[in-house]
């Protein structure tokens, strides 16, 4: 049997014919014309190599081949209807969905505890899979491939297929080892430029937003160490005379017992962390519920002071 280009509507037509045993009544049942139903029956006959329905005194009688097909084809239709119905009637309380999230370093630390608690409380049978990504390009690739449901990180970009929603912001603070003379780096722009800095760069770049801001002022700084993981930076600064410009939430999450924080001698815009998802999943009820739960977790994070 050649199923190339098979039309699922033929299963619906077959099921209606089995139920009604009459072409006109089957057509009425499906809301199509009698010629369209006759054409569907002709296609079914060609596909199966069997008459399927033969005329009788009371309409059409199914052949043995039609009777053999009736149960498995009805099961196939029921499976399709159930799948479509489950997508339309998503119930977090009973779903066994596996949600896969890609998170950059900071959202994983500050957002994931509250988010996982909310999902566990409202969708107790759902499972969560968490993946890390190094930079925005990795996040876009994961979304394009369908490897993750959502990603949470910075810089949503401009791709039309990737949708985004801002979740929370973090401001930058200056950081030095507590009691170190290096804290004087934050007193003015000259001292700041002369100090030795830790740069956090997941992409491995040798310039960051601080360097761009300094360049606009005709300034530069010395990078003594570049760290790929932002959560390693506080402990590095606490053990050296390096200084750093870090997200306030990173310092707070890692503990500041051995660190002092300072206002910066230059203006830096806060960093906005975004929820990213692919346009193809935008209308899916389970995905909409997941995104709403993430937004609520981020809102609760801000209510609790970040």
C-alpha atoms as a PDB file:
ATOM      1  CA  UNK A   1       0.000   0.000   0.000  1.00  0.00           C
ATOM      2  CA  UNK A   2       1.491   3.342  -1.046  1.00  0.00           C
ATOM      3  CA  UNK A   3       0.841   5.939   1.700  1.00  0.00           C
ATOM      4  CA  UNK A   4       2.813   8.717   0.064  1.00  0.00           C
ATOM      5  CA  UNK A   5       0.746  11.903   0.358  1.00  0.00           C
ATOM      6  CA  UNK A   6      -1.927  10.128   2.410  1.00  0.00           C
ATOM      7  CA  UNK A   7      -4.807  12.380   3.447  1.00  0.00           C
ATOM      8  CA  UNK A   8      -5.974  11.901   7.044  1.00  0.00           C
ATOM      9  CA  UNK A   9      -9.394  13.141   5.970  1.00  0.00           C
ATOM     10  CA  UNK A  10      -9.852   9.752   4.348  1.00  0.00           C
ATOM     11  CA  UNK A  11      -9.849   8.163   7.822  1.00  0.00           C
ATOM     12  CA  UNK A  12     -12.612  10.547   8.859  1.00  0.00           C
ATOM     13  CA  UNK A  13     -14.589   9.703   5.702  1.00  0.00           C
ATOM     14  CA  UNK A  14     -14.157   5.961   6.292  1.00  0.00           C
ATOM     15  CA  UNK A  15     -15.315   6.290   9.890  1.00  0.00           C
ATOM     16  CA  UNK A  16     -18.406   8.253   8.819  1.00  0.00           C
ATOM     17  CA  UNK A  17     -19.263   5.633   6.182  1.00  0.00           C
ATOM     18  CA  UNK A  18     -18.896   2.845   8.751  1.00  0.00           C
ATOM     19  CA  UNK A  19     -21.244   4.699  11.089  1.00  0.00           C
ATOM     20  CA  UNK A  20     -23.894   5.805   8.568  1.00  0.00           C
ATOM     21  CA  UNK A  21     -23.600   3.030   5.923  1.00  0.00           C
ATOM     22  CA  UNK A  22     -24.882   5.634   3.448  1.00  0.00           C
ATOM     23  CA  UNK A  23     -22.930   8.078   1.268  1.00  0.00           C
ATOM     24  CA  UNK A  24     -25.358  11.006   1.543  1.00  0.00           C
ATOM     25  CA  UNK A  25     -25.820  10.667   5.321  1.00  0.00           C
ATOM     26  CA  UNK A  26     -22.054  10.306   5.796  1.00  0.00           C
ATOM     27  CA  UNK A  27     -21.520  13.473   3.750  1.00  0.00           C
ATOM     28  CA  UNK A  28     -24.091  15.332   5.852  1.00  0.00           C
ATOM     29  CA  UNK A  29     -22.391  14.071   9.024  1.00  0.00           C
ATOM     30  CA  UNK A  30     -19.097  15.616   7.908  1.00  0.00           C
ATOM     31  CA  UNK A  31     -20.605  18.750   6.389  1.00  0.00           C
ATOM     32  CA  UNK A  32     -19.348  18.023   2.886  1.00  0.00           C
ATOM     33  CA  UNK A  33     -21.109  17.427  -0.431  1.00  0.00           C
ATOM     34  CA  UNK A  34     -22.263  14.005  -1.626  1.00  0.00           C
ATOM     35  CA  UNK A  35     -19.860  14.114  -4.621  1.00  0.00           C
ATOM     36  CA  UNK A  36     -16.964  14.872  -2.253  1.00  0.00           C
ATOM     37  CA  UNK A  37     -17.869  11.857  -0.127  1.00  0.00           C
ATOM     38  CA  UNK A  38     -18.137   9.671  -3.219  1.00  0.00           C
ATOM     39  CA  UNK A  39     -14.710  10.878  -4.313  1.00  0.00           C
ATOM     40  CA  UNK A  40     -13.287  10.022  -0.876  1.00  0.00           C
ATOM     41  CA  UNK A  41     -14.766   6.515  -1.108  1.00  0.00           C
ATOM     42  CA  UNK A  42     -13.223   6.074  -4.551  1.00  0.00           C
ATOM     43  CA  UNK A  43      -9.815   7.072  -3.203  1.00  0.00           C
ATOM     44  CA  UNK A  44     -10.182   4.660  -0.290  1.00  0.00           C
ATOM     45  CA  UNK A  45     -11.004   1.853  -2.688  1.00  0.00           C
ATOM     46  CA  UNK A  46      -7.932   2.589  -4.799  1.00  0.00           C
ATOM     47  CA  UNK A  47      -5.748   2.792  -1.715  1.00  0.00           C
ATOM     48  CA  UNK A  48      -6.929  -0.502  -0.193  1.00  0.00           C
ATOM     49  CA  UNK A  49      -7.640  -2.429  -3.391  1.00  0.00           C
ATOM     50  CA  UNK A  50     -11.059  -3.371  -1.999  1.00  0.00           C
ATOM     51  CA  UNK A  51     -14.651  -2.253  -2.568  1.00  0.00           C
ATOM     52  CA  UNK A  52     -14.974  -1.601   1.204  1.00  0.00           C
ATOM     53  CA  UNK A  53     -18.721  -0.854   0.920  1.00  0.00           C
ATOM     54  CA  UNK A  54     -21.202  -2.584  -1.396  1.00  0.00           C
ATOM     55  CA  UNK A  55     -24.806  -1.713  -2.073  1.00  0.00           C
ATOM     56  CA  UNK A  56     -27.432  -3.529  -0.061  1.00  0.00           C
ATOM     57  CA  UNK A  57     -31.170  -3.193   0.542  1.00  0.00           C
ATOM     58  CA  UNK A  58     -30.516  -0.709   3.349  1.00  0.00           C
ATOM     59  CA  UNK A  59     -27.676   1.362   1.882  1.00  0.00           C
ATOM     60  CA  UNK A  60     -24.044   0.232   1.955  1.00  0.00           C
ATOM     61  CA  UNK A  61     -22.753  -2.882   3.687  1.00  0.00           C
ATOM     62  CA  UNK A  62     -19.068  -3.082   4.727  1.00  0.00           C
ATOM     63  CA  UNK A  63     -16.950  -5.806   3.160  1.00  0.00           C
ATOM     64  CA  UNK A  64     -14.826  -8.109   5.355  1.00  0.00           C
ATOM     65  CA  UNK A  65     -11.827  -5.910   4.544  1.00  0.00           C
ATOM     66  CA  UNK A  66     -13.714  -2.833   5.773  1.00  0.00           C
ATOM     67  CA  UNK A  67     -14.635  -4.636   8.996  1.00  0.00           C
ATOM     68  CA  UNK A  68     -10.976  -5.563   9.519  1.00  0.00           C
ATOM     69  CA  UNK A  69      -9.956  -1.932   9.068  1.00  0.00           C
ATOM     70  CA  UNK A  70     -12.701  -0.396  11.202  1.00  0.00           C
ATOM     71  CA  UNK A  71     -11.183  -0.963  14.651  1.00  0.00           C
ATOM     72  CA  UNK A  72      -7.546   0.067  13.983  1.00  0.00           C
ATOM     73  CA  UNK A  73      -8.613   3.105  11.957  1.00  0.00           C
ATOM     74  CA  UNK A  74     -11.033   4.209  14.686  1.00  0.00           C
ATOM     75  CA  UNK A  75      -8.187   3.787  17.191  1.00  0.00           C
ATOM     76  CA  UNK A  76      -5.926   5.933  14.994  1.00  0.00           C
ATOM     77  CA  UNK A  77      -8.576   8.657  14.811  1.00  0.00           C
ATOM     78  CA  UNK A  78      -9.137   8.533  18.565  1.00  0.00           C
ATOM     79  CA  UNK A  79      -5.392   8.872  19.119  1.00  0.00           C
ATOM     80  CA  UNK A  80      -5.207  11.943  16.888  1.00  0.00           C
ATOM     81  CA  UNK A  81      -8.266  13.500  18.549  1.00  0.00           C
ATOM     82  CA  UNK A  82      -6.850  12.817  22.002  1.00  0.00           C
ATOM     83  CA  UNK A  83      -3.530  14.400  21.052  1.00  0.00           C
ATOM     84  CA  UNK A  84      -5.239  17.488  19.666  1.00  0.00           C
ATOM     85  CA  UNK A  85      -7.578  17.682  22.626  1.00  0.00           C
ATOM     86  CA  UNK A  86      -4.744  17.428  25.147  1.00  0.00           C
ATOM     87  CA  UNK A  87      -2.998  20.339  23.444  1.00  0.00           C
ATOM     88  CA  UNK A  88      -6.138  22.443  23.694  1.00  0.00           C
ATOM     89  CA  UNK A  89      -7.048  21.396  27.242  1.00  0.00           C
ATOM     90  CA  UNK A  90      -3.727  21.572  29.073  1.00  0.00           C
ATOM     91  CA  UNK A  91      -4.068  20.752  32.771  1.00  0.00           C
ATOM     92  CA  UNK A  92      -0.901  21.460  34.780  1.00  0.00           C
ATOM     93  CA  UNK A  93      -2.234  19.381  37.664  1.00  0.00           C
ATOM     94  CA  UNK A  94      -2.209  16.169  35.628  1.00  0.00           C
ATOM     95  CA  UNK A  95       0.315  16.789  32.857  1.00  0.00           C
ATOM     96  CA  UNK A  96       3.398  14.600  32.597  1.00  0.00           C
ATOM     97  CA  UNK A  97       5.078  17.033  30.252  1.00  0.00           C
ATOM     98  CA  UNK A  98       8.851  17.378  30.262  1.00  0.00           C
ATOM     99  CA  UNK A  99       9.826  21.053  30.146  1.00  0.00           C
ATOM    100  CA  UNK A 100      13.351  21.846  28.968  1.00  0.00           C
ATOM    101  CA  UNK A 101      14.830  25.221  29.870  1.00  0.00           C
ATOM    102  CA  UNK A 102      18.117  26.816  28.824  1.00  0.00           C
ATOM    103  CA  UNK A 103      19.410  29.308  31.358  1.00  0.00           C
ATOM    104  CA  UNK A 104      22.471  31.483  31.460  1.00  0.00           C
ATOM    105  CA  UNK A 105      24.518  31.588  34.634  1.00  0.00           C
ATOM    106  CA  UNK A 106      22.786  34.300  36.643  1.00  0.00           C
ATOM    107  CA  UNK A 107      19.114  33.391  36.027  1.00  0.00           C
ATOM    108  CA  UNK A 108      19.975  29.785  36.907  1.00  0.00           C
ATOM    109  CA  UNK A 109      21.168  30.904  40.335  1.00  0.00           C
ATOM    110  CA  UNK A 110      18.507  33.455  41.223  1.00  0.00           C
ATOM    111  CA  UNK A 111      15.410  32.346  39.312  1.00  0.00           C
ATOM    112  CA  UNK A 112      15.558  28.564  39.136  1.00  0.00           C
ATOM    113  CA  UNK A 113      14.921  27.815  42.855  1.00  0.00           C
ATOM    114  CA  UNK A 114      11.640  29.741  42.944  1.00  0.00           C
ATOM    115  CA  UNK A 115      10.626  28.608  39.456  1.00  0.00           C
ATOM    116  CA  UNK A 116      11.214  24.922  40.161  1.00  0.00           C
ATOM    117  CA  UNK A 117       9.198  25.249  43.365  1.00  0.00           C
ATOM    118  CA  UNK A 118       6.299  26.850  41.499  1.00  0.00           C
ATOM    119  CA  UNK A 119       6.302  24.155  38.811  1.00  0.00           C
ATOM    120  CA  UNK A 120       6.506  21.368  41.409  1.00  0.00           C
ATOM    121  CA  UNK A 121       3.580  22.857  43.344  1.00  0.00           C
ATOM    122  CA  UNK A 122       1.289  23.428  40.359  1.00  0.00           C
ATOM    123  CA  UNK A 123       2.400  20.664  37.987  1.00  0.00           C
ATOM    124  CA  UNK A 124       3.503  17.870  40.356  1.00  0.00           C
ATOM    125  CA  UNK A 125       3.904  15.248  37.616  1.00  0.00           C
ATOM    126  CA  UNK A 126       5.811  17.474  35.190  1.00  0.00           C
ATOM    127  CA  UNK A 127       9.577  17.090  34.862  1.00  0.00           C
ATOM    128  CA  UNK A 128      12.111  19.872  34.354  1.00  0.00           C
ATOM    129  CA  UNK A 129      15.301  19.595  32.337  1.00  0.00           C
ATOM    130  CA  UNK A 130      17.799  22.456  32.572  1.00  0.00           C
ATOM    131  CA  UNK A 131      20.546  23.170  30.065  1.00  0.00           C
ATOM    132  CA  UNK A 132      23.241  25.817  30.228  1.00  0.00           C
ATOM    133  CA  UNK A 133      24.383  27.952  27.328  1.00  0.00           C
ATOM    134  CA  UNK A 134      27.449  30.079  26.854  1.00  0.00           C
ATOM    135  CA  UNK A 135      26.121  32.982  24.843  1.00  0.00           C
ATOM    136  CA  UNK A 136      23.066  34.248  23.036  1.00  0.00           C
ATOM    137  CA  UNK A 137      23.988  32.474  19.796  1.00  0.00           C
ATOM    138  CA  UNK A 138      23.878  29.130  21.610  1.00  0.00           C
ATOM    139  CA  UNK A 139      20.428  29.959  23.012  1.00  0.00           C
ATOM    140  CA  UNK A 140      19.061  30.804  19.555  1.00  0.00           C
ATOM    141  CA  UNK A 141      20.450  27.548  18.150  1.00  0.00           C
ATOM    142  CA  UNK A 142      18.813  25.512  20.923  1.00  0.00           C
ATOM    143  CA  UNK A 143      15.459  27.198  20.260  1.00  0.00           C
ATOM    144  CA  UNK A 144      15.772  26.737  16.492  1.00  0.00           C
ATOM    145  CA  UNK A 145      16.535  23.043  16.930  1.00  0.00           C
ATOM    146  CA  UNK A 146      13.616  22.525  19.317  1.00  0.00           C
ATOM    147  CA  UNK A 147      16.090  21.231  21.923  1.00  0.00           C
ATOM    148  CA  UNK A 148      14.614  23.555  24.586  1.00  0.00           C
ATOM    149  CA  UNK A 149      11.204  25.086  25.203  1.00  0.00           C
ATOM    150  CA  UNK A 150      12.483  28.459  26.415  1.00  0.00           C
ATOM    151  CA  UNK A 151      15.753  30.220  27.123  1.00  0.00           C
ATOM    152  CA  UNK A 152      16.457  32.861  29.750  1.00  0.00           C
ATOM    153  CA  UNK A 153      19.370  35.230  29.242  1.00  0.00           C
ATOM    154  CA  UNK A 154      20.332  38.634  27.904  1.00  0.00           C
ATOM    155  CA  UNK A 155      20.039  40.355  24.545  1.00  0.00           C
ATOM    156  CA  UNK A 156      16.973  39.074  22.694  1.00  0.00           C
ATOM    157  CA  UNK A 157      18.341  40.230  19.326  1.00  0.00           C
ATOM    158  CA  UNK A 158      16.197  40.982  16.294  1.00  0.00           C
ATOM    159  CA  UNK A 159      15.291  37.579  14.781  1.00  0.00           C
ATOM    160  CA  UNK A 160      11.589  37.631  13.896  1.00  0.00           C
ATOM    161  CA  UNK A 161      11.222  33.945  14.735  1.00  0.00           C
ATOM    162  CA  UNK A 162      12.466  34.460  18.308  1.00  0.00           C
ATOM    163  CA  UNK A 163       9.998  36.131  20.665  1.00  0.00           C
ATOM    164  CA  UNK A 164      11.018  37.662  23.970  1.00  0.00           C
ATOM    165  CA  UNK A 165       9.757  39.216  27.170  1.00  0.00           C
ATOM    166  CA  UNK A 166      11.883  41.130  29.720  1.00  0.00           C
ATOM    167  CA  UNK A 167      11.884  39.395  33.118  1.00  0.00           C
ATOM    168  CA  UNK A 168      14.097  41.378  35.487  1.00  0.00           C
ATOM    169  CA  UNK A 169      16.987  43.816  35.582  1.00  0.00           C
ATOM    170  CA  UNK A 170      20.283  43.863  37.438  1.00  0.00           C
ATOM    171  CA  UNK A 171      22.461  46.906  38.024  1.00  0.00           C
ATOM    172  CA  UNK A 172      26.246  46.920  38.095  1.00  0.00           C
ATOM    173  CA  UNK A 173      28.298  47.592  41.239  1.00  0.00           C
ATOM    174  CA  UNK A 174      31.998  47.915  41.859  1.00  0.00           C
ATOM    175  CA  UNK A 175      33.549  45.130  43.934  1.00  0.00           C
ATOM    176  CA  UNK A 176      36.830  44.905  45.841  1.00  0.00           C
ATOM    177  CA  UNK A 177      38.277  42.736  48.590  1.00  0.00           C
ATOM    178  CA  UNK A 178      37.135  44.074  51.949  1.00  0.00           C
ATOM    179  CA  UNK A 179      39.907  46.068  53.630  1.00  0.00           C
ATOM    180  CA  UNK A 180      42.018  46.207  50.474  1.00  0.00           C
ATOM    181  CA  UNK A 181      43.503  49.463  49.231  1.00  0.00           C
ATOM    182  CA  UNK A 182      42.204  48.458  45.778  1.00  0.00           C
ATOM    183  CA  UNK A 183      38.780  49.772  46.841  1.00  0.00           C
ATOM    184  CA  UNK A 184      40.161  53.243  46.104  1.00  0.00           C
ATOM    185  CA  UNK A 185      39.692  52.351  42.419  1.00  0.00           C
ATOM    186  CA  UNK A 186      36.080  53.451  42.677  1.00  0.00           C
ATOM    187  CA  UNK A 187      36.811  56.939  44.041  1.00  0.00           C
ATOM    188  CA  UNK A 188      37.230  58.523  40.607  1.00  0.00           C
ATOM    189  CA  UNK A 189      37.676  57.692  36.933  1.00  0.00           C
ATOM    190  CA  UNK A 190      41.488  58.044  37.039  1.00  0.00           C
ATOM    191  CA  UNK A 191      41.836  55.487  39.838  1.00  0.00           C
ATOM    192  CA  UNK A 192      39.293  53.234  38.150  1.00  0.00           C
ATOM    193  CA  UNK A 193      41.200  53.248  34.850  1.00  0.00           C
ATOM    194  CA  UNK A 194      44.514  52.579  36.619  1.00  0.00           C
ATOM    195  CA  UNK A 195      43.290  49.559  38.605  1.00  0.00           C
ATOM    196  CA  UNK A 196      43.648  45.921  37.577  1.00  0.00           C
ATOM    197  CA  UNK A 197      40.259  44.406  36.753  1.00  0.00           C
ATOM    198  CA  UNK A 198      38.524  41.051  36.492  1.00  0.00           C
ATOM    199  CA  UNK A 199      36.412  40.817  33.340  1.00  0.00           C
ATOM    200  CA  UNK A 200      33.508  38.375  33.150  1.00  0.00           C
ATOM    201  CA  UNK A 201      33.071  37.211  29.556  1.00  0.00           C
ATOM    202  CA  UNK A 202      31.227  33.937  28.788  1.00  0.00           C
ATOM    203  CA  UNK A 203      32.193  34.421  25.131  1.00  0.00           C
ATOM    204  CA  UNK A 204      35.896  34.845  25.955  1.00  0.00           C
ATOM    205  CA  UNK A 205      36.034  38.415  24.625  1.00  0.00           C
ATOM    206  CA  UNK A 206      38.672  40.803  25.941  1.00  0.00           C
ATOM    207  CA  UNK A 207      36.241  43.722  26.111  1.00  0.00           C
ATOM    208  CA  UNK A 208      32.967  44.222  27.922  1.00  0.00           C
ATOM    209  CA  UNK A 209      30.378  46.929  28.540  1.00  0.00           C
ATOM    210  CA  UNK A 210      32.764  48.687  30.938  1.00  0.00           C
ATOM    211  CA  UNK A 211      35.457  48.904  28.243  1.00  0.00           C
ATOM    212  CA  UNK A 212      32.934  50.271  25.753  1.00  0.00           C
ATOM    213  CA  UNK A 213      31.820  52.927  28.252  1.00  0.00           C
ATOM    214  CA  UNK A 214      35.444  53.861  28.989  1.00  0.00           C
ATOM    215  CA  UNK A 215      36.263  54.049  25.275  1.00  0.00           C
ATOM    216  CA  UNK A 216      33.491  56.596  24.788  1.00  0.00           C
ATOM    217  CA  UNK A 217      35.275  58.720  27.394  1.00  0.00           C
ATOM    218  CA  UNK A 218      38.652  58.208  25.767  1.00  0.00           C
ATOM    219  CA  UNK A 219      39.732  55.855  28.553  1.00  0.00           C
ATOM    220  CA  UNK A 220      40.771  52.223  28.974  1.00  0.00           C
ATOM    221  CA  UNK A 221      41.608  49.802  31.784  1.00  0.00           C
ATOM    222  CA  UNK A 222      43.891  46.843  32.419  1.00  0.00           C
ATOM    223  CA  UNK A 223      42.256  43.402  32.437  1.00  0.00           C
ATOM    224  CA  UNK A 224      44.251  41.215  34.790  1.00  0.00           C
ATOM    225  CA  UNK A 225      41.998  38.156  34.503  1.00  0.00           C
ATOM    226  CA  UNK A 226      39.126  37.125  32.240  1.00  0.00           C
ATOM    227  CA  UNK A 227      36.601  34.683  33.729  1.00  0.00           C
ATOM    228  CA  UNK A 228      34.051  32.751  31.689  1.00  0.00           C
ATOM    229  CA  UNK A 229      31.779  32.104  34.696  1.00  0.00           C
ATOM    230  CA  UNK A 230      30.437  35.180  36.440  1.00  0.00           C
ATOM    231  CA  UNK A 231      29.941  33.327  39.729  1.00  0.00           C
ATOM    232  CA  UNK A 232      33.690  32.658  39.961  1.00  0.00           C
ATOM    233  CA  UNK A 233      34.504  36.377  39.909  1.00  0.00           C
ATOM    234  CA  UNK A 234      33.555  37.294  43.528  1.00  0.00           C
ATOM    235  CA  UNK A 235      35.814  34.621  45.043  1.00  0.00           C
ATOM    236  CA  UNK A 236      38.675  35.668  42.732  1.00  0.00           C
ATOM    237  CA  UNK A 237      38.321  39.298  43.806  1.00  0.00           C
ATOM    238  CA  UNK A 238      38.067  38.256  47.471  1.00  0.00           C
ATOM    239  CA  UNK A 239      41.448  36.501  47.192  1.00  0.00           C
ATOM    240  CA  UNK A 240      43.336  39.200  45.218  1.00  0.00           C
ATOM    241  CA  UNK A 241      43.778  42.922  44.818  1.00  0.00           C
ATOM    242  CA  UNK A 242      41.840  42.854  41.568  1.00  0.00           C
ATOM    243  CA  UNK A 243      38.630  44.834  41.337  1.00  0.00           C
ATOM    244  CA  UNK A 244      35.566  44.043  39.315  1.00  0.00           C
ATOM    245  CA  UNK A 245      32.326  45.417  37.954  1.00  0.00           C
ATOM    246  CA  UNK A 246      29.708  42.768  38.634  1.00  0.00           C
ATOM    247  CA  UNK A 247      25.961  42.395  38.666  1.00  0.00           C
ATOM    248  CA  UNK A 248      24.644  43.280  42.090  1.00  0.00           C
ATOM    249  CA  UNK A 249      22.629  40.062  42.212  1.00  0.00           C
ATOM    250  CA  UNK A 250      25.750  37.962  41.611  1.00  0.00           C
ATOM    251  CA  UNK A 251      27.496  39.564  44.585  1.00  0.00           C
ATOM    252  CA  UNK A 252      24.403  39.136  46.751  1.00  0.00           C
ATOM    253  CA  UNK A 253      23.917  35.488  45.748  1.00  0.00           C
ATOM    254  CA  UNK A 254      27.536  34.515  46.437  1.00  0.00           C
ATOM    255  CA  UNK A 255      27.725  36.316  49.788  1.00  0.00           C
ATOM    256  CA  UNK A 256      29.669  39.495  50.406  1.00  0.00           C
ATOM    257  CA  UNK A 257      31.469  38.697  53.694  1.00  0.00           C
ATOM    258  CA  UNK A 258      34.920  39.287  52.198  1.00  0.00           C
ATOM    259  CA  UNK A 259      33.857  41.895  49.644  1.00  0.00           C
ATOM    260  CA  UNK A 260      33.027  45.575  49.627  1.00  0.00           C
ATOM    261  CA  UNK A 261      30.672  47.047  47.048  1.00  0.00           C
ATOM    262  CA  UNK A 262      30.908  50.525  45.600  1.00  0.00           C
ATOM    263  CA  UNK A 263      29.159  52.938  43.290  1.00  0.00           C
ATOM    264  CA  UNK A 264      30.830  53.244  39.907  1.00  0.00           C
ATOM    265  CA  UNK A 265      32.578  56.379  38.644  1.00  0.00           C
ATOM    266  CA  UNK A 266      30.903  55.973  35.231  1.00  0.00           C
ATOM    267  CA  UNK A 267      27.368  55.376  34.053  1.00  0.00           C
ATOM    268  CA  UNK A 268      26.372  51.844  33.017  1.00  0.00           C
ATOM    269  CA  UNK A 269      22.868  50.829  31.993  1.00  0.00           C
ATOM    270  CA  UNK A 270      21.415  47.911  33.942  1.00  0.00           C
ATOM    271  CA  UNK A 271      21.332  44.470  32.334  1.00  0.00           C
ATOM    272  CA  UNK A 272      17.905  43.184  31.321  1.00  0.00           C
ATOM    273  CA  UNK A 273      17.341  39.418  31.392  1.00  0.00           C
ATOM    274  CA  UNK A 274      14.795  38.147  28.888  1.00  0.00           C
ATOM    275  CA  UNK A 275      12.601  35.121  28.405  1.00  0.00           C
ATOM    276  CA  UNK A 276      13.103  33.837  24.844  1.00  0.00           C
ATOM    277  CA  UNK A 277      10.978  31.348  22.916  1.00  0.00           C
ATOM    278  CA  UNK A 278      10.435  30.275  19.316  1.00  0.00           C
ATOM    279  CA  UNK A 279       7.450  31.607  17.411  1.00  0.00           C
ATOM    280  CA  UNK A 280       6.306  28.074  16.523  1.00  0.00           C
ATOM    281  CA  UNK A 281       5.553  27.349  20.217  1.00  0.00           C
ATOM    282  CA  UNK A 282       3.875  30.682  20.912  1.00  0.00           C
ATOM    283  CA  UNK A 283       0.256  29.416  20.947  1.00  0.00           C
ATOM    284  CA  UNK A 284       0.800  26.009  22.580  1.00  0.00           C
ATOM    285  CA  UNK A 285      -1.184  25.918  25.887  1.00  0.00           C
ATOM    286  CA  UNK A 286       1.496  24.028  27.820  1.00  0.00           C
ATOM    287  CA  UNK A 287       4.148  26.458  26.625  1.00  0.00           C
ATOM    288  CA  UNK A 288       1.959  29.457  27.481  1.00  0.00           C
ATOM    289  CA  UNK A 289       1.502  28.063  30.994  1.00  0.00           C
ATOM    290  CA  UNK A 290       5.261  27.543  31.366  1.00  0.00           C
ATOM    291  CA  UNK A 291       6.014  31.090  30.257  1.00  0.00           C
ATOM    292  CA  UNK A 292       3.383  32.536  32.592  1.00  0.00           C
ATOM    293  CA  UNK A 293       4.888  30.554  35.479  1.00  0.00           C
ATOM    294  CA  UNK A 294       8.358  31.900  34.651  1.00  0.00           C
ATOM    295  CA  UNK A 295       7.053  35.478  34.523  1.00  0.00           C
ATOM    296  CA  UNK A 296       5.374  35.021  37.907  1.00  0.00           C
ATOM    297  CA  UNK A 297       8.579  33.603  39.404  1.00  0.00           C
ATOM    298  CA  UNK A 298      10.531  36.596  38.108  1.00  0.00           C
ATOM    299  CA  UNK A 299       7.913  38.964  39.538  1.00  0.00           C
ATOM    300  CA  UNK A 300       8.186  37.239  42.916  1.00  0.00           C
ATOM    301  CA  UNK A 301      11.969  37.572  42.725  1.00  0.00           C
ATOM    302  CA  UNK A 302      11.656  41.330  42.318  1.00  0.00           C
ATOM    303  CA  UNK A 303       9.116  41.540  45.184  1.00  0.00           C
ATOM    304  CA  UNK A 304      11.618  39.756  47.413  1.00  0.00           C
ATOM    305  CA  UNK A 305      14.330  42.229  46.531  1.00  0.00           C
ATOM    306  CA  UNK A 306      16.012  40.398  43.651  1.00  0.00           C
END
